[in-house]
């Protein structure tokens, strides 16, 4: 069993402290690993925050966090790239094959907004069945697939946790295909970098168990509500989702209109206390939580209205907007 873990994050300066909490959980939960190598695709992280990240690896007697200047997708393609989700820094991971050390054959990519609760032994040594990546099957309607040139039942995955066969990624020329796809859409892609990854790798993805990427939607909705809300053509079983909630290996604090994330004041997520635990163990322990900024415009009006409607009606209306409204709007405006 391979005990040398190679992990990749991508971050800008604003999310450096969130990355720090994730990094603390990584080191705490994987003390059995012989070595943990961490690479950060750096989108202008301050020197002060870089020092804090490196202080973490040294505190756990691991090799220094290696910050690698992130490539700018807009400069690479000589066009403006629309940010459909997150920030432009997330596009940095599309270039992993050209910026990471050449001798790497496998890496685990992690978003900053996650914590690791258990050893990553099982995930790191997962049988990927010959695929380029292993990831979480995501719950999106067929209309999302159509917007990125996929068929109604093609796999759509969440790119926040990806086990990547880097050797195969290079052989398959994934980076080149990603840039070509983004260019063909004039830089306007549904779900941004994640949409591009899905478009290129849908047929080259092994879907692992949801306990390896337990996303917020599992906690905000019951299983039946989730199917109504997202309307996926096919999905995990209720038993698998329950296991992901009760005993997750990785918790992914994804955005949700029904809840806040743990670094924001007032978060009620089931595992918010665990995120706070890891925060208290790192160099950002004394930084205050972010203030909750109320959503404005149409989104803000809807969130306030949803809080007053009966639960069943809120889920039904939200499901219609999520499954049909958003992808249709994306198609019209791109």
C-alpha atoms as a PDB file:
ATOM      1  CA  UNK A   1       0.000   0.000   0.000  1.00  0.00           C
ATOM      2  CA  UNK A   2       1.353   3.412  -1.023  1.00  0.00           C
ATOM      3  CA  UNK A   3       1.982   5.569   2.063  1.00  0.00           C
ATOM      4  CA  UNK A   4       3.371   8.615   0.271  1.00  0.00           C
ATOM      5  CA  UNK A   5       0.497  11.022  -0.258  1.00  0.00           C
ATOM      6  CA  UNK A   6       0.629  13.835  -2.827  1.00  0.00           C
ATOM      7  CA  UNK A   7      -2.085  16.493  -2.392  1.00  0.00           C
ATOM      8  CA  UNK A   8      -2.858  19.546  -4.538  1.00  0.00           C
ATOM      9  CA  UNK A   9      -4.839  22.627  -3.508  1.00  0.00           C
ATOM     10  CA  UNK A  10      -5.555  25.852  -5.421  1.00  0.00           C
ATOM     11  CA  UNK A  11      -6.078  29.115  -3.556  1.00  0.00           C
ATOM     12  CA  UNK A  12      -5.956  32.891  -3.668  1.00  0.00           C
ATOM     13  CA  UNK A  13      -5.108  35.031  -0.647  1.00  0.00           C
ATOM     14  CA  UNK A  14      -8.696  35.393   0.565  1.00  0.00           C
ATOM     15  CA  UNK A  15      -9.091  31.635   0.932  1.00  0.00           C
ATOM     16  CA  UNK A  16      -5.621  30.989   2.393  1.00  0.00           C
ATOM     17  CA  UNK A  17      -6.976  30.664   5.945  1.00  0.00           C
ATOM     18  CA  UNK A  18      -9.689  28.245   4.767  1.00  0.00           C
ATOM     19  CA  UNK A  19      -6.945  26.227   3.082  1.00  0.00           C
ATOM     20  CA  UNK A  20      -5.015  26.326   6.369  1.00  0.00           C
ATOM     21  CA  UNK A  21      -7.885  24.687   8.250  1.00  0.00           C
ATOM     22  CA  UNK A  22      -8.154  21.985   5.595  1.00  0.00           C
ATOM     23  CA  UNK A  23      -4.403  21.421   5.754  1.00  0.00           C
ATOM     24  CA  UNK A  24      -4.523  21.033   9.535  1.00  0.00           C
ATOM     25  CA  UNK A  25      -7.229  18.369   9.206  1.00  0.00           C
ATOM     26  CA  UNK A  26      -5.165  16.614   6.532  1.00  0.00           C
ATOM     27  CA  UNK A  27      -2.114  16.355   8.775  1.00  0.00           C
ATOM     28  CA  UNK A  28      -4.099  15.466  11.910  1.00  0.00           C
ATOM     29  CA  UNK A  29      -6.051  12.659  10.243  1.00  0.00           C
ATOM     30  CA  UNK A  30      -3.153  11.121   8.333  1.00  0.00           C
ATOM     31  CA  UNK A  31      -0.380  10.638  10.858  1.00  0.00           C
ATOM     32  CA  UNK A  32       0.056   7.056   9.621  1.00  0.00           C
ATOM     33  CA  UNK A  33       1.268   8.288   6.226  1.00  0.00           C
ATOM     34  CA  UNK A  34       5.013   8.011   5.771  1.00  0.00           C
ATOM     35  CA  UNK A  35       5.080  11.348   3.996  1.00  0.00           C
ATOM     36  CA  UNK A  36       2.588  13.968   2.857  1.00  0.00           C
ATOM     37  CA  UNK A  37       3.597  16.267   0.010  1.00  0.00           C
ATOM     38  CA  UNK A  38       1.370  19.325  -0.466  1.00  0.00           C
ATOM     39  CA  UNK A  39       1.401  21.540  -3.552  1.00  0.00           C
ATOM     40  CA  UNK A  40      -0.557  24.802  -3.575  1.00  0.00           C
ATOM     41  CA  UNK A  41      -1.407  26.409  -6.905  1.00  0.00           C
ATOM     42  CA  UNK A  42      -0.836  29.949  -5.757  1.00  0.00           C
ATOM     43  CA  UNK A  43      -2.975  32.802  -7.090  1.00  0.00           C
ATOM     44  CA  UNK A  44      -1.211  35.681  -5.329  1.00  0.00           C
ATOM     45  CA  UNK A  45      -1.225  34.383  -1.749  1.00  0.00           C
ATOM     46  CA  UNK A  46       0.544  36.888   0.518  1.00  0.00           C
ATOM     47  CA  UNK A  47       4.001  36.094   1.907  1.00  0.00           C
ATOM     48  CA  UNK A  48       2.580  36.191   5.439  1.00  0.00           C
ATOM     49  CA  UNK A  49      -0.019  33.538   4.618  1.00  0.00           C
ATOM     50  CA  UNK A  50       2.552  31.408   2.809  1.00  0.00           C
ATOM     51  CA  UNK A  51       4.691  31.431   5.954  1.00  0.00           C
ATOM     52  CA  UNK A  52       1.693  30.299   7.990  1.00  0.00           C
ATOM     53  CA  UNK A  53       1.009  27.419   5.600  1.00  0.00           C
ATOM     54  CA  UNK A  54       4.625  26.290   5.768  1.00  0.00           C
ATOM     55  CA  UNK A  55       4.593  26.574   9.559  1.00  0.00           C
ATOM     56  CA  UNK A  56       1.837  23.969   9.580  1.00  0.00           C
ATOM     57  CA  UNK A  57       3.825  21.409   7.576  1.00  0.00           C
ATOM     58  CA  UNK A  58       6.840  21.967   9.824  1.00  0.00           C
ATOM     59  CA  UNK A  59       4.755  21.628  12.994  1.00  0.00           C
ATOM     60  CA  UNK A  60       3.692  18.168  11.804  1.00  0.00           C
ATOM     61  CA  UNK A  61       7.238  17.342  10.616  1.00  0.00           C
ATOM     62  CA  UNK A  62       6.135  17.010   7.009  1.00  0.00           C
ATOM     63  CA  UNK A  63       7.856  18.272   3.884  1.00  0.00           C
ATOM     64  CA  UNK A  64       7.333  21.994   3.305  1.00  0.00           C
ATOM     65  CA  UNK A  65       4.171  23.091   1.557  1.00  0.00           C
ATOM     66  CA  UNK A  66       5.263  23.938  -1.966  1.00  0.00           C
ATOM     67  CA  UNK A  67       3.602  27.022  -3.462  1.00  0.00           C
ATOM     68  CA  UNK A  68       3.577  26.980  -7.256  1.00  0.00           C
ATOM     69  CA  UNK A  69       2.601  30.132  -9.168  1.00  0.00           C
ATOM     70  CA  UNK A  70      -0.801  29.498 -10.750  1.00  0.00           C
ATOM     71  CA  UNK A  71      -1.299  29.983 -14.448  1.00  0.00           C
ATOM     72  CA  UNK A  72      -3.840  32.619 -15.436  1.00  0.00           C
ATOM     73  CA  UNK A  73      -6.462  31.042 -17.686  1.00  0.00           C
ATOM     74  CA  UNK A  74      -7.333  34.396 -19.278  1.00  0.00           C
ATOM     75  CA  UNK A  75      -3.713  34.995 -20.261  1.00  0.00           C
ATOM     76  CA  UNK A  76      -3.267  31.440 -21.530  1.00  0.00           C
ATOM     77  CA  UNK A  77      -6.280  31.695 -23.839  1.00  0.00           C
ATOM     78  CA  UNK A  78      -6.047  35.434 -24.548  1.00  0.00           C
ATOM     79  CA  UNK A  79      -9.719  35.938 -23.735  1.00  0.00           C
ATOM     80  CA  UNK A  80     -11.968  36.995 -20.877  1.00  0.00           C
ATOM     81  CA  UNK A  81     -13.154  34.012 -18.858  1.00  0.00           C
ATOM     82  CA  UNK A  82     -16.533  34.192 -17.132  1.00  0.00           C
ATOM     83  CA  UNK A  83     -16.582  33.166 -13.462  1.00  0.00           C
ATOM     84  CA  UNK A  84     -19.739  31.075 -13.070  1.00  0.00           C
ATOM     85  CA  UNK A  85     -18.759  29.766  -9.630  1.00  0.00           C
ATOM     86  CA  UNK A  86     -16.060  30.519  -7.070  1.00  0.00           C
ATOM     87  CA  UNK A  87     -13.114  32.578  -8.312  1.00  0.00           C
ATOM     88  CA  UNK A  88     -10.862  32.541 -11.347  1.00  0.00           C
ATOM     89  CA  UNK A  89      -8.131  30.922  -9.212  1.00  0.00           C
ATOM     90  CA  UNK A  90      -9.977  27.599  -9.474  1.00  0.00           C
ATOM     91  CA  UNK A  91      -9.037  27.376 -13.138  1.00  0.00           C
ATOM     92  CA  UNK A  92      -5.424  26.889 -12.007  1.00  0.00           C
ATOM     93  CA  UNK A  93      -6.026  23.176 -11.452  1.00  0.00           C
ATOM     94  CA  UNK A  94      -6.633  22.655 -15.159  1.00  0.00           C
ATOM     95  CA  UNK A  95      -2.867  23.069 -15.610  1.00  0.00           C
ATOM     96  CA  UNK A  96      -1.706  20.461 -13.085  1.00  0.00           C
ATOM     97  CA  UNK A  97       0.038  18.368 -15.737  1.00  0.00           C
ATOM     98  CA  UNK A  98       2.304  21.250 -16.749  1.00  0.00           C
ATOM     99  CA  UNK A  99       3.091  22.844 -13.362  1.00  0.00           C
ATOM    100  CA  UNK A 100       3.559  19.884 -10.989  1.00  0.00           C
ATOM    101  CA  UNK A 101       6.825  17.889 -10.802  1.00  0.00           C
ATOM    102  CA  UNK A 102       7.210  15.709 -13.914  1.00  0.00           C
ATOM    103  CA  UNK A 103       7.827  12.510 -11.962  1.00  0.00           C
ATOM    104  CA  UNK A 104       4.414  12.535 -10.253  1.00  0.00           C
ATOM    105  CA  UNK A 105       2.100   9.784 -11.469  1.00  0.00           C
ATOM    106  CA  UNK A 106      -0.849  10.308  -9.120  1.00  0.00           C
ATOM    107  CA  UNK A 107      -2.211  13.235  -7.088  1.00  0.00           C
ATOM    108  CA  UNK A 108      -5.235  13.956  -4.931  1.00  0.00           C
ATOM    109  CA  UNK A 109      -6.793  17.320  -5.681  1.00  0.00           C
ATOM    110  CA  UNK A 110      -8.761  18.920  -2.817  1.00  0.00           C
ATOM    111  CA  UNK A 111     -10.775  22.142  -2.680  1.00  0.00           C
ATOM    112  CA  UNK A 112      -9.922  24.439   0.222  1.00  0.00           C
ATOM    113  CA  UNK A 113     -13.441  24.228   1.697  1.00  0.00           C
ATOM    114  CA  UNK A 114     -13.085  20.680   2.998  1.00  0.00           C
ATOM    115  CA  UNK A 115     -11.898  18.915   6.129  1.00  0.00           C
ATOM    116  CA  UNK A 116     -10.543  15.387   6.325  1.00  0.00           C
ATOM    117  CA  UNK A 117     -11.923  13.362   9.244  1.00  0.00           C
ATOM    118  CA  UNK A 118     -10.269   9.997   8.618  1.00  0.00           C
ATOM    119  CA  UNK A 119      -7.187   8.487   7.028  1.00  0.00           C
ATOM    120  CA  UNK A 120      -6.992   8.878   3.257  1.00  0.00           C
ATOM    121  CA  UNK A 121      -5.326   5.453   2.868  1.00  0.00           C
ATOM    122  CA  UNK A 122      -8.364   3.884   1.252  1.00  0.00           C
ATOM    123  CA  UNK A 123      -9.019   6.741  -1.143  1.00  0.00           C
ATOM    124  CA  UNK A 124      -5.358   7.198  -2.083  1.00  0.00           C
ATOM    125  CA  UNK A 125      -5.037   3.497  -2.947  1.00  0.00           C
ATOM    126  CA  UNK A 126      -8.437   3.221  -4.645  1.00  0.00           C
ATOM    127  CA  UNK A 127      -8.799   1.063  -7.744  1.00  0.00           C
ATOM    128  CA  UNK A 128      -9.733   3.621 -10.407  1.00  0.00           C
ATOM    129  CA  UNK A 129     -10.650   0.912 -12.934  1.00  0.00           C
ATOM    130  CA  UNK A 130      -8.412   2.352 -15.615  1.00  0.00           C
ATOM    131  CA  UNK A 131     -10.001   5.811 -15.549  1.00  0.00           C
ATOM    132  CA  UNK A 132      -8.140   9.118 -15.509  1.00  0.00           C
ATOM    133  CA  UNK A 133      -9.913  10.428 -12.410  1.00  0.00           C
ATOM    134  CA  UNK A 134     -12.080   9.210  -9.547  1.00  0.00           C
ATOM    135  CA  UNK A 135     -14.672  11.680  -8.222  1.00  0.00           C
ATOM    136  CA  UNK A 136     -18.131  12.095  -6.698  1.00  0.00           C
ATOM    137  CA  UNK A 137     -21.157  11.612  -8.937  1.00  0.00           C
ATOM    138  CA  UNK A 138     -22.973  14.930  -8.678  1.00  0.00           C
ATOM    139  CA  UNK A 139     -26.717  15.518  -8.652  1.00  0.00           C
ATOM    140  CA  UNK A 140     -27.553  17.694 -11.652  1.00  0.00           C
ATOM    141  CA  UNK A 141     -30.441  17.574 -14.102  1.00  0.00           C
ATOM    142  CA  UNK A 142     -30.058  16.553 -17.728  1.00  0.00           C
ATOM    143  CA  UNK A 143     -30.285  20.207 -18.773  1.00  0.00           C
ATOM    144  CA  UNK A 144     -26.915  20.927 -17.189  1.00  0.00           C
ATOM    145  CA  UNK A 145     -25.414  18.119 -19.234  1.00  0.00           C
ATOM    146  CA  UNK A 146     -26.850  19.503 -22.463  1.00  0.00           C
ATOM    147  CA  UNK A 147     -25.179  22.875 -21.834  1.00  0.00           C
ATOM    148  CA  UNK A 148     -21.725  21.261 -21.808  1.00  0.00           C
ATOM    149  CA  UNK A 149     -22.386  18.954 -24.771  1.00  0.00           C
ATOM    150  CA  UNK A 150     -23.075  15.797 -22.742  1.00  0.00           C
ATOM    151  CA  UNK A 151     -25.889  13.282 -23.124  1.00  0.00           C
ATOM    152  CA  UNK A 152     -28.736  13.187 -20.547  1.00  0.00           C
ATOM    153  CA  UNK A 153     -27.284  10.255 -18.582  1.00  0.00           C
ATOM    154  CA  UNK A 154     -23.573  11.004 -18.914  1.00  0.00           C
ATOM    155  CA  UNK A 155     -21.679  11.302 -15.638  1.00  0.00           C
ATOM    156  CA  UNK A 156     -21.436  14.704 -14.006  1.00  0.00           C
ATOM    157  CA  UNK A 157     -19.032  14.870 -11.080  1.00  0.00           C
ATOM    158  CA  UNK A 158     -18.091  17.271  -8.307  1.00  0.00           C
ATOM    159  CA  UNK A 159     -14.519  18.380  -8.912  1.00  0.00           C
ATOM    160  CA  UNK A 160     -13.782  19.359  -5.289  1.00  0.00           C
ATOM    161  CA  UNK A 161     -12.171  15.986  -4.573  1.00  0.00           C
ATOM    162  CA  UNK A 162     -10.434  14.288  -7.484  1.00  0.00           C
ATOM    163  CA  UNK A 163      -8.024  11.383  -7.380  1.00  0.00           C
ATOM    164  CA  UNK A 164      -6.033  11.898 -10.573  1.00  0.00           C
ATOM    165  CA  UNK A 165      -3.952   9.444 -12.561  1.00  0.00           C
ATOM    166  CA  UNK A 166      -1.568  12.147 -13.694  1.00  0.00           C
ATOM    167  CA  UNK A 167       0.313   9.845 -16.038  1.00  0.00           C
ATOM    168  CA  UNK A 168      -2.885   8.987 -17.915  1.00  0.00           C
ATOM    169  CA  UNK A 169      -3.991  12.660 -17.797  1.00  0.00           C
ATOM    170  CA  UNK A 170      -0.859  13.527 -19.766  1.00  0.00           C
ATOM    171  CA  UNK A 171      -1.204  10.640 -22.230  1.00  0.00           C
ATOM    172  CA  UNK A 172      -4.836  11.574 -22.893  1.00  0.00           C
ATOM    173  CA  UNK A 173      -3.800  15.234 -23.355  1.00  0.00           C
ATOM    174  CA  UNK A 174      -6.542  16.371 -20.995  1.00  0.00           C
ATOM    175  CA  UNK A 175      -5.097  19.852 -20.519  1.00  0.00           C
ATOM    176  CA  UNK A 176      -5.135  20.494 -24.249  1.00  0.00           C
ATOM    177  CA  UNK A 177      -8.728  19.253 -24.521  1.00  0.00           C
ATOM    178  CA  UNK A 178      -9.813  21.464 -21.606  1.00  0.00           C
ATOM    179  CA  UNK A 179      -8.358  24.580 -23.179  1.00  0.00           C
ATOM    180  CA  UNK A 180      -9.886  23.692 -26.530  1.00  0.00           C
ATOM    181  CA  UNK A 181     -13.331  23.254 -24.952  1.00  0.00           C
ATOM    182  CA  UNK A 182     -13.134  26.541 -23.042  1.00  0.00           C
ATOM    183  CA  UNK A 183     -12.062  28.325 -26.204  1.00  0.00           C
ATOM    184  CA  UNK A 184     -14.934  26.805 -28.189  1.00  0.00           C
ATOM    185  CA  UNK A 185     -17.382  28.289 -25.654  1.00  0.00           C
ATOM    186  CA  UNK A 186     -15.674  31.705 -25.744  1.00  0.00           C
ATOM    187  CA  UNK A 187     -14.819  31.403 -22.071  1.00  0.00           C
ATOM    188  CA  UNK A 188     -18.449  31.191 -20.950  1.00  0.00           C
ATOM    189  CA  UNK A 189     -19.101  27.788 -19.429  1.00  0.00           C
ATOM    190  CA  UNK A 190     -21.809  26.607 -17.095  1.00  0.00           C
ATOM    191  CA  UNK A 191     -20.123  26.001 -13.708  1.00  0.00           C
ATOM    192  CA  UNK A 192     -16.858  27.390 -15.009  1.00  0.00           C
ATOM    193  CA  UNK A 193     -13.822  25.146 -14.587  1.00  0.00           C
ATOM    194  CA  UNK A 194     -15.941  22.305 -13.170  1.00  0.00           C
ATOM    195  CA  UNK A 195     -18.132  22.422 -16.270  1.00  0.00           C
ATOM    196  CA  UNK A 196     -15.067  22.151 -18.490  1.00  0.00           C
ATOM    197  CA  UNK A 197     -13.707  19.214 -16.484  1.00  0.00           C
ATOM    198  CA  UNK A 198     -17.049  17.431 -16.779  1.00  0.00           C
ATOM    199  CA  UNK A 199     -17.259  18.040 -20.498  1.00  0.00           C
ATOM    200  CA  UNK A 200     -13.831  16.520 -21.114  1.00  0.00           C
ATOM    201  CA  UNK A 201     -13.680  13.777 -18.471  1.00  0.00           C
ATOM    202  CA  UNK A 202     -17.284  12.572 -18.117  1.00  0.00           C
ATOM    203  CA  UNK A 203     -16.519   9.301 -19.901  1.00  0.00           C
ATOM    204  CA  UNK A 204     -13.181   8.858 -18.163  1.00  0.00           C
ATOM    205  CA  UNK A 205     -14.347   9.086 -14.539  1.00  0.00           C
ATOM    206  CA  UNK A 206     -14.769   6.408 -11.891  1.00  0.00           C
ATOM    207  CA  UNK A 207     -17.382   7.432  -9.317  1.00  0.00           C
ATOM    208  CA  UNK A 208     -16.289   6.668  -5.775  1.00  0.00           C
ATOM    209  CA  UNK A 209     -18.535   6.375  -2.695  1.00  0.00           C
ATOM    210  CA  UNK A 210     -20.042   9.663  -1.477  1.00  0.00           C
ATOM    211  CA  UNK A 211     -18.367   9.303   1.934  1.00  0.00           C
ATOM    212  CA  UNK A 212     -15.178  10.488   0.213  1.00  0.00           C
ATOM    213  CA  UNK A 213     -16.818  13.835  -0.633  1.00  0.00           C
ATOM    214  CA  UNK A 214     -19.754  14.479   1.666  1.00  0.00           C
ATOM    215  CA  UNK A 215     -21.237  17.692   0.260  1.00  0.00           C
ATOM    216  CA  UNK A 216     -23.574  20.159   1.984  1.00  0.00           C
ATOM    217  CA  UNK A 217     -26.649  19.189  -0.024  1.00  0.00           C
ATOM    218  CA  UNK A 218     -26.684  15.862   1.878  1.00  0.00           C
ATOM    219  CA  UNK A 219     -27.221  17.764   5.121  1.00  0.00           C
ATOM    220  CA  UNK A 220     -29.628  20.463   3.934  1.00  0.00           C
ATOM    221  CA  UNK A 221     -32.129  18.083   2.327  1.00  0.00           C
ATOM    222  CA  UNK A 222     -33.580  14.666   3.004  1.00  0.00           C
ATOM    223  CA  UNK A 223     -32.795  12.053   0.348  1.00  0.00           C
ATOM    224  CA  UNK A 224     -36.241  12.419  -1.266  1.00  0.00           C
ATOM    225  CA  UNK A 225     -36.034  16.218  -1.147  1.00  0.00           C
ATOM    226  CA  UNK A 226     -32.627  16.122  -2.788  1.00  0.00           C
ATOM    227  CA  UNK A 227     -33.976  14.146  -5.737  1.00  0.00           C
ATOM    228  CA  UNK A 228     -36.838  16.640  -6.116  1.00  0.00           C
ATOM    229  CA  UNK A 229     -34.472  19.597  -5.800  1.00  0.00           C
ATOM    230  CA  UNK A 230     -31.728  18.454  -8.180  1.00  0.00           C
ATOM    231  CA  UNK A 231     -33.580  15.925 -10.409  1.00  0.00           C
ATOM    232  CA  UNK A 232     -30.526  13.817 -11.346  1.00  0.00           C
ATOM    233  CA  UNK A 233     -31.102  11.164 -14.070  1.00  0.00           C
ATOM    234  CA  UNK A 234     -29.422   8.629 -11.750  1.00  0.00           C
ATOM    235  CA  UNK A 235     -27.802   8.881  -8.351  1.00  0.00           C
ATOM    236  CA  UNK A 236     -26.403   7.086  -5.324  1.00  0.00           C
ATOM    237  CA  UNK A 237     -28.676   4.976  -3.126  1.00  0.00           C
ATOM    238  CA  UNK A 238     -30.219   6.364   0.045  1.00  0.00           C
ATOM    239  CA  UNK A 239     -28.061   3.924   2.045  1.00  0.00           C
ATOM    240  CA  UNK A 240     -24.863   5.304   0.486  1.00  0.00           C
ATOM    241  CA  UNK A 241     -25.871   8.895   1.211  1.00  0.00           C
ATOM    242  CA  UNK A 242     -26.749   8.019   4.804  1.00  0.00           C
ATOM    243  CA  UNK A 243     -23.298   6.475   5.244  1.00  0.00           C
ATOM    244  CA  UNK A 244     -21.736   9.630   3.788  1.00  0.00           C
ATOM    245  CA  UNK A 245     -23.594  11.709   6.388  1.00  0.00           C
ATOM    246  CA  UNK A 246     -22.989   9.466   9.396  1.00  0.00           C
ATOM    247  CA  UNK A 247     -19.361   8.529   8.734  1.00  0.00           C
ATOM    248  CA  UNK A 248     -17.742  10.811   6.139  1.00  0.00           C
ATOM    249  CA  UNK A 249     -14.055  10.568   5.317  1.00  0.00           C
ATOM    250  CA  UNK A 250     -14.094  14.031   3.749  1.00  0.00           C
ATOM    251  CA  UNK A 251     -16.618  16.781   4.471  1.00  0.00           C
ATOM    252  CA  UNK A 252     -17.027  19.340   1.697  1.00  0.00           C
ATOM    253  CA  UNK A 253     -18.654  22.594   2.807  1.00  0.00           C
ATOM    254  CA  UNK A 254     -20.159  23.532  -0.544  1.00  0.00           C
ATOM    255  CA  UNK A 255     -22.377  26.587  -1.008  1.00  0.00           C
ATOM    256  CA  UNK A 256     -26.100  26.300  -0.354  1.00  0.00           C
ATOM    257  CA  UNK A 257     -28.949  28.791  -0.261  1.00  0.00           C
ATOM    258  CA  UNK A 258     -30.289  27.036   2.852  1.00  0.00           C
ATOM    259  CA  UNK A 259     -27.171  27.263   5.016  1.00  0.00           C
ATOM    260  CA  UNK A 260     -23.895  29.038   5.770  1.00  0.00           C
ATOM    261  CA  UNK A 261     -20.369  27.728   5.638  1.00  0.00           C
ATOM    262  CA  UNK A 262     -18.435  27.156   8.895  1.00  0.00           C
ATOM    263  CA  UNK A 263     -16.114  30.166   8.538  1.00  0.00           C
ATOM    264  CA  UNK A 264     -19.203  32.406   8.364  1.00  0.00           C
ATOM    265  CA  UNK A 265     -20.959  33.500  11.549  1.00  0.00           C
ATOM    266  CA  UNK A 266     -24.093  31.503  12.366  1.00  0.00           C
ATOM    267  CA  UNK A 267     -23.250  28.269  10.523  1.00  0.00           C
ATOM    268  CA  UNK A 268     -25.449  25.363  11.666  1.00  0.00           C
ATOM    269  CA  UNK A 269     -23.823  22.575   9.634  1.00  0.00           C
ATOM    270  CA  UNK A 270     -23.699  19.247  11.472  1.00  0.00           C
ATOM    271  CA  UNK A 271     -19.892  19.251  11.352  1.00  0.00           C
ATOM    272  CA  UNK A 272     -19.256  22.983  11.864  1.00  0.00           C
ATOM    273  CA  UNK A 273     -17.756  22.235  15.287  1.00  0.00           C
ATOM    274  CA  UNK A 274     -15.183  19.942  13.698  1.00  0.00           C
ATOM    275  CA  UNK A 275     -14.158  22.684  11.274  1.00  0.00           C
ATOM    276  CA  UNK A 276     -13.783  25.022  14.256  1.00  0.00           C
ATOM    277  CA  UNK A 277     -11.713  22.397  16.059  1.00  0.00           C
ATOM    278  CA  UNK A 278      -9.168  22.325  13.249  1.00  0.00           C
ATOM    279  CA  UNK A 279      -9.210  26.117  13.001  1.00  0.00           C
ATOM    280  CA  UNK A 280      -8.304  26.349  16.685  1.00  0.00           C
ATOM    281  CA  UNK A 281      -5.252  24.145  16.097  1.00  0.00           C
ATOM    282  CA  UNK A 282      -3.686  26.268  13.348  1.00  0.00           C
ATOM    283  CA  UNK A 283      -2.052  29.686  12.846  1.00  0.00           C
ATOM    284  CA  UNK A 284      -5.373  31.338  11.989  1.00  0.00           C
ATOM    285  CA  UNK A 285      -6.919  30.360  15.342  1.00  0.00           C
ATOM    286  CA  UNK A 286      -7.397  33.974  16.411  1.00  0.00           C
ATOM    287  CA  UNK A 287      -8.841  35.357  13.183  1.00  0.00           C
ATOM    288  CA  UNK A 288     -12.555  36.201  13.469  1.00  0.00           C
ATOM    289  CA  UNK A 289     -15.221  34.370  11.526  1.00  0.00           C
ATOM    290  CA  UNK A 290     -16.482  36.103   8.417  1.00  0.00           C
ATOM    291  CA  UNK A 291     -19.587  38.231   8.774  1.00  0.00           C
ATOM    292  CA  UNK A 292     -22.660  36.913   7.050  1.00  0.00           C
ATOM    293  CA  UNK A 293     -23.451  39.074   4.053  1.00  0.00           C
ATOM    294  CA  UNK A 294     -27.094  38.926   3.135  1.00  0.00           C
ATOM    295  CA  UNK A 295     -27.766  38.101  -0.494  1.00  0.00           C
ATOM    296  CA  UNK A 296     -29.166  40.963  -2.513  1.00  0.00           C
ATOM    297  CA  UNK A 297     -31.193  41.254  -5.703  1.00  0.00           C
ATOM    298  CA  UNK A 298     -33.434  38.451  -6.924  1.00  0.00           C
ATOM    299  CA  UNK A 299     -31.448  35.795  -5.036  1.00  0.00           C
ATOM    300  CA  UNK A 300     -31.808  37.716  -1.771  1.00  0.00           C
ATOM    301  CA  UNK A 301     -35.552  38.152  -2.241  1.00  0.00           C
ATOM    302  CA  UNK A 302     -35.971  34.450  -2.978  1.00  0.00           C
ATOM    303  CA  UNK A 303     -33.930  33.308   0.031  1.00  0.00           C
ATOM    304  CA  UNK A 304     -36.034  35.460   2.342  1.00  0.00           C
ATOM    305  CA  UNK A 305     -39.239  34.230   0.719  1.00  0.00           C
ATOM    306  CA  UNK A 306     -38.123  30.593   0.912  1.00  0.00           C
ATOM    307  CA  UNK A 307     -37.695  30.955   4.650  1.00  0.00           C
ATOM    308  CA  UNK A 308     -41.386  31.780   5.007  1.00  0.00           C
ATOM    309  CA  UNK A 309     -42.879  29.202   2.632  1.00  0.00           C
ATOM    310  CA  UNK A 310     -43.887  25.652   3.639  1.00  0.00           C
ATOM    311  CA  UNK A 311     -40.876  23.307   3.325  1.00  0.00           C
ATOM    312  CA  UNK A 312     -42.422  21.142   0.607  1.00  0.00           C
ATOM    313  CA  UNK A 313     -43.293  24.151  -1.521  1.00  0.00           C
ATOM    314  CA  UNK A 314     -39.805  25.641  -1.058  1.00  0.00           C
ATOM    315  CA  UNK A 315     -38.182  22.398  -2.231  1.00  0.00           C
ATOM    316  CA  UNK A 316     -40.522  22.115  -5.241  1.00  0.00           C
ATOM    317  CA  UNK A 317     -40.018  25.713  -6.407  1.00  0.00           C
ATOM    318  CA  UNK A 318     -36.280  25.581  -5.763  1.00  0.00           C
ATOM    319  CA  UNK A 319     -36.098  22.300  -7.655  1.00  0.00           C
ATOM    320  CA  UNK A 320     -37.754  23.839 -10.692  1.00  0.00           C
ATOM    321  CA  UNK A 321     -35.409  26.825 -10.646  1.00  0.00           C
ATOM    322  CA  UNK A 322     -32.346  24.649 -10.051  1.00  0.00           C
ATOM    323  CA  UNK A 323     -33.085  21.873 -12.548  1.00  0.00           C
ATOM    324  CA  UNK A 324     -34.571  23.971 -15.357  1.00  0.00           C
ATOM    325  CA  UNK A 325     -34.287  27.702 -14.676  1.00  0.00           C
ATOM    326  CA  UNK A 326     -30.554  27.953 -14.102  1.00  0.00           C
ATOM    327  CA  UNK A 327     -29.409  25.907 -17.105  1.00  0.00           C
ATOM    328  CA  UNK A 328     -31.933  27.602 -19.398  1.00  0.00           C
ATOM    329  CA  UNK A 329     -30.778  31.035 -18.234  1.00  0.00           C
ATOM    330  CA  UNK A 330     -27.185  29.966 -18.802  1.00  0.00           C
ATOM    331  CA  UNK A 331     -27.987  28.891 -22.345  1.00  0.00           C
ATOM    332  CA  UNK A 332     -29.750  32.202 -23.108  1.00  0.00           C
ATOM    333  CA  UNK A 333     -27.073  34.480 -21.679  1.00  0.00           C
ATOM    334  CA  UNK A 334     -23.877  32.794 -22.820  1.00  0.00           C
END
